[in-house]
Structures are given as C-alpha cells and as structure tokens.
C-alpha cells in the first residue's frame, strides 16, 4: 500500500480539520492494509464531492469574519 499517496490525500482533503489530518497522518504506520485501503477509498470519494470546496471556503469566510468582529469588539 502506498502510504505516500494516502498521506497526500490526507493533506489535500477538504473534509478533514487540521487535527484530523494530524491524527490520520500519525495513524498511518499503525494501520493494516485493509484499513489503509478503506481510508484511501473514503478520501478519494470525498474529492469527488463538488460542494466540498465551496463549503470549505464558506467556513473559512465565516472564521475570518468572526475574527474580524472579535478584533473590532476588543478595541
């Protein structure tokens, strides 16, 4: 099993948080071939969801807006 490919899929995934990316990257060496195959399958399917990138952009926008609001409120 090509863990480098799975690691790249983890890094590029729009469905994982940074904490989840870290967890899965650290878990790769402990996983058996069936688990690796299943994780790869899930990450590949997730790439094919057209709205995933739009949702990620939306949440990034909301996060930036909230930070701006909080920064303005503390002044």
C-alpha atoms as a PDB file:
ATOM      1  CA  UNK A   1       0.000   0.000   0.000  1.00  0.00           C
ATOM      2  CA  UNK A   2       1.313   3.417  -0.976  1.00  0.00           C
ATOM      3  CA  UNK A   3       1.206   5.418   2.250  1.00  0.00           C
ATOM      4  CA  UNK A   4       2.761   8.419   0.486  1.00  0.00           C
ATOM      5  CA  UNK A   5      -0.350   8.659  -1.729  1.00  0.00           C
ATOM      6  CA  UNK A   6      -2.659   8.366   1.275  1.00  0.00           C
ATOM      7  CA  UNK A   7      -0.617  10.954   3.149  1.00  0.00           C
ATOM      8  CA  UNK A   8      -1.008  13.329   0.190  1.00  0.00           C
ATOM      9  CA  UNK A   9      -4.766  12.678   0.119  1.00  0.00           C
ATOM     10  CA  UNK A  10      -4.937  13.476   3.825  1.00  0.00           C
ATOM     11  CA  UNK A  11      -3.002  16.726   3.346  1.00  0.00           C
ATOM     12  CA  UNK A  12      -5.201  17.834   0.443  1.00  0.00           C
ATOM     13  CA  UNK A  13      -8.537  16.775   1.939  1.00  0.00           C
ATOM     14  CA  UNK A  14     -11.240  19.407   2.299  1.00  0.00           C
ATOM     15  CA  UNK A  15     -13.271  17.275   4.697  1.00  0.00           C
ATOM     16  CA  UNK A  16     -10.642  16.981   7.431  1.00  0.00           C
ATOM     17  CA  UNK A  17      -9.730  19.524  10.074  1.00  0.00           C
ATOM     18  CA  UNK A  18      -6.068  20.140  10.859  1.00  0.00           C
ATOM     19  CA  UNK A  19      -6.417  17.995  13.996  1.00  0.00           C
ATOM     20  CA  UNK A  20      -7.917  15.159  11.942  1.00  0.00           C
ATOM     21  CA  UNK A  21      -5.147  15.470   9.361  1.00  0.00           C
ATOM     22  CA  UNK A  22      -2.570  15.157  12.118  1.00  0.00           C
ATOM     23  CA  UNK A  23      -4.368  12.164  13.656  1.00  0.00           C
ATOM     24  CA  UNK A  24      -4.636  10.247  10.390  1.00  0.00           C
ATOM     25  CA  UNK A  25      -1.067  11.047   9.342  1.00  0.00           C
ATOM     26  CA  UNK A  26       0.229   9.742  12.682  1.00  0.00           C
ATOM     27  CA  UNK A  27      -2.026   6.675  12.461  1.00  0.00           C
ATOM     28  CA  UNK A  28      -0.861   5.541   9.009  1.00  0.00           C
ATOM     29  CA  UNK A  29       2.106   3.445  10.237  1.00  0.00           C
ATOM     30  CA  UNK A  30      -0.169   1.563  12.657  1.00  0.00           C
ATOM     31  CA  UNK A  31      -2.855   0.716  10.092  1.00  0.00           C
ATOM     32  CA  UNK A  32      -3.189  -2.622   8.323  1.00  0.00           C
ATOM     33  CA  UNK A  33      -3.616  -2.868   4.527  1.00  0.00           C
ATOM     34  CA  UNK A  34      -7.415  -3.150   4.735  1.00  0.00           C
ATOM     35  CA  UNK A  35      -7.660  -0.035   6.894  1.00  0.00           C
ATOM     36  CA  UNK A  36      -5.342   1.867   4.564  1.00  0.00           C
ATOM     37  CA  UNK A  37      -7.404   0.840   1.552  1.00  0.00           C
ATOM     38  CA  UNK A  38     -10.641   1.939   3.227  1.00  0.00           C
ATOM     39  CA  UNK A  39      -9.166   5.313   4.251  1.00  0.00           C
ATOM     40  CA  UNK A  40      -7.881   5.857   0.714  1.00  0.00           C
ATOM     41  CA  UNK A  41     -11.301   4.980  -0.699  1.00  0.00           C
ATOM     42  CA  UNK A  42     -13.020   7.474   1.620  1.00  0.00           C
ATOM     43  CA  UNK A  43     -10.585  10.271   0.813  1.00  0.00           C
ATOM     44  CA  UNK A  44     -10.850   9.676  -2.946  1.00  0.00           C
ATOM     45  CA  UNK A  45     -14.666   9.703  -2.764  1.00  0.00           C
ATOM     46  CA  UNK A  46     -14.540  12.919  -0.738  1.00  0.00           C
ATOM     47  CA  UNK A  47     -12.538  14.592  -3.516  1.00  0.00           C
ATOM     48  CA  UNK A  48     -15.386  13.852  -5.904  1.00  0.00           C
ATOM     49  CA  UNK A  49     -17.975  15.741  -3.841  1.00  0.00           C
ATOM     50  CA  UNK A  50     -18.413  19.003  -5.774  1.00  0.00           C
ATOM     51  CA  UNK A  51     -19.631  21.092  -2.862  1.00  0.00           C
ATOM     52  CA  UNK A  52     -16.783  20.206  -0.512  1.00  0.00           C
ATOM     53  CA  UNK A  53     -14.542  23.037  -1.713  1.00  0.00           C
ATOM     54  CA  UNK A  54     -17.406  25.545  -1.575  1.00  0.00           C
ATOM     55  CA  UNK A  55     -18.262  24.532   1.983  1.00  0.00           C
ATOM     56  CA  UNK A  56     -14.606  24.866   2.987  1.00  0.00           C
ATOM     57  CA  UNK A  57     -14.463  28.377   1.502  1.00  0.00           C
ATOM     58  CA  UNK A  58     -17.667  29.285   3.320  1.00  0.00           C
ATOM     59  CA  UNK A  59     -16.305  28.162   6.686  1.00  0.00           C
ATOM     60  CA  UNK A  60     -13.044  29.999   6.035  1.00  0.00           C
ATOM     61  CA  UNK A  61     -15.038  33.146   5.302  1.00  0.00           C
ATOM     62  CA  UNK A  62     -17.099  32.745   8.484  1.00  0.00           C
ATOM     63  CA  UNK A  63     -13.940  32.202  10.555  1.00  0.00           C
ATOM     64  CA  UNK A  64     -12.283  35.321   9.127  1.00  0.00           C
ATOM     65  CA  UNK A  65     -15.443  37.365   9.696  1.00  0.00           C
ATOM     66  CA  UNK A  66     -15.722  36.203  13.287  1.00  0.00           C
ATOM     67  CA  UNK A  67     -12.077  37.026  13.968  1.00  0.00           C
ATOM     68  CA  UNK A  68     -12.529  40.493  12.468  1.00  0.00           C
ATOM     69  CA  UNK A  69     -15.632  41.071  14.570  1.00  0.00           C
ATOM     70  CA  UNK A  70     -13.890  39.959  17.760  1.00  0.00           C
ATOM     71  CA  UNK A  71     -10.837  42.098  16.974  1.00  0.00           C
ATOM     72  CA  UNK A  72     -13.095  45.112  16.388  1.00  0.00           C
ATOM     73  CA  UNK A  73     -15.092  44.489  19.551  1.00  0.00           C
ATOM     74  CA  UNK A  74     -11.995  44.410  21.759  1.00  0.00           C
ATOM     75  CA  UNK A  75     -10.744  47.819  20.609  1.00  0.00           C
END
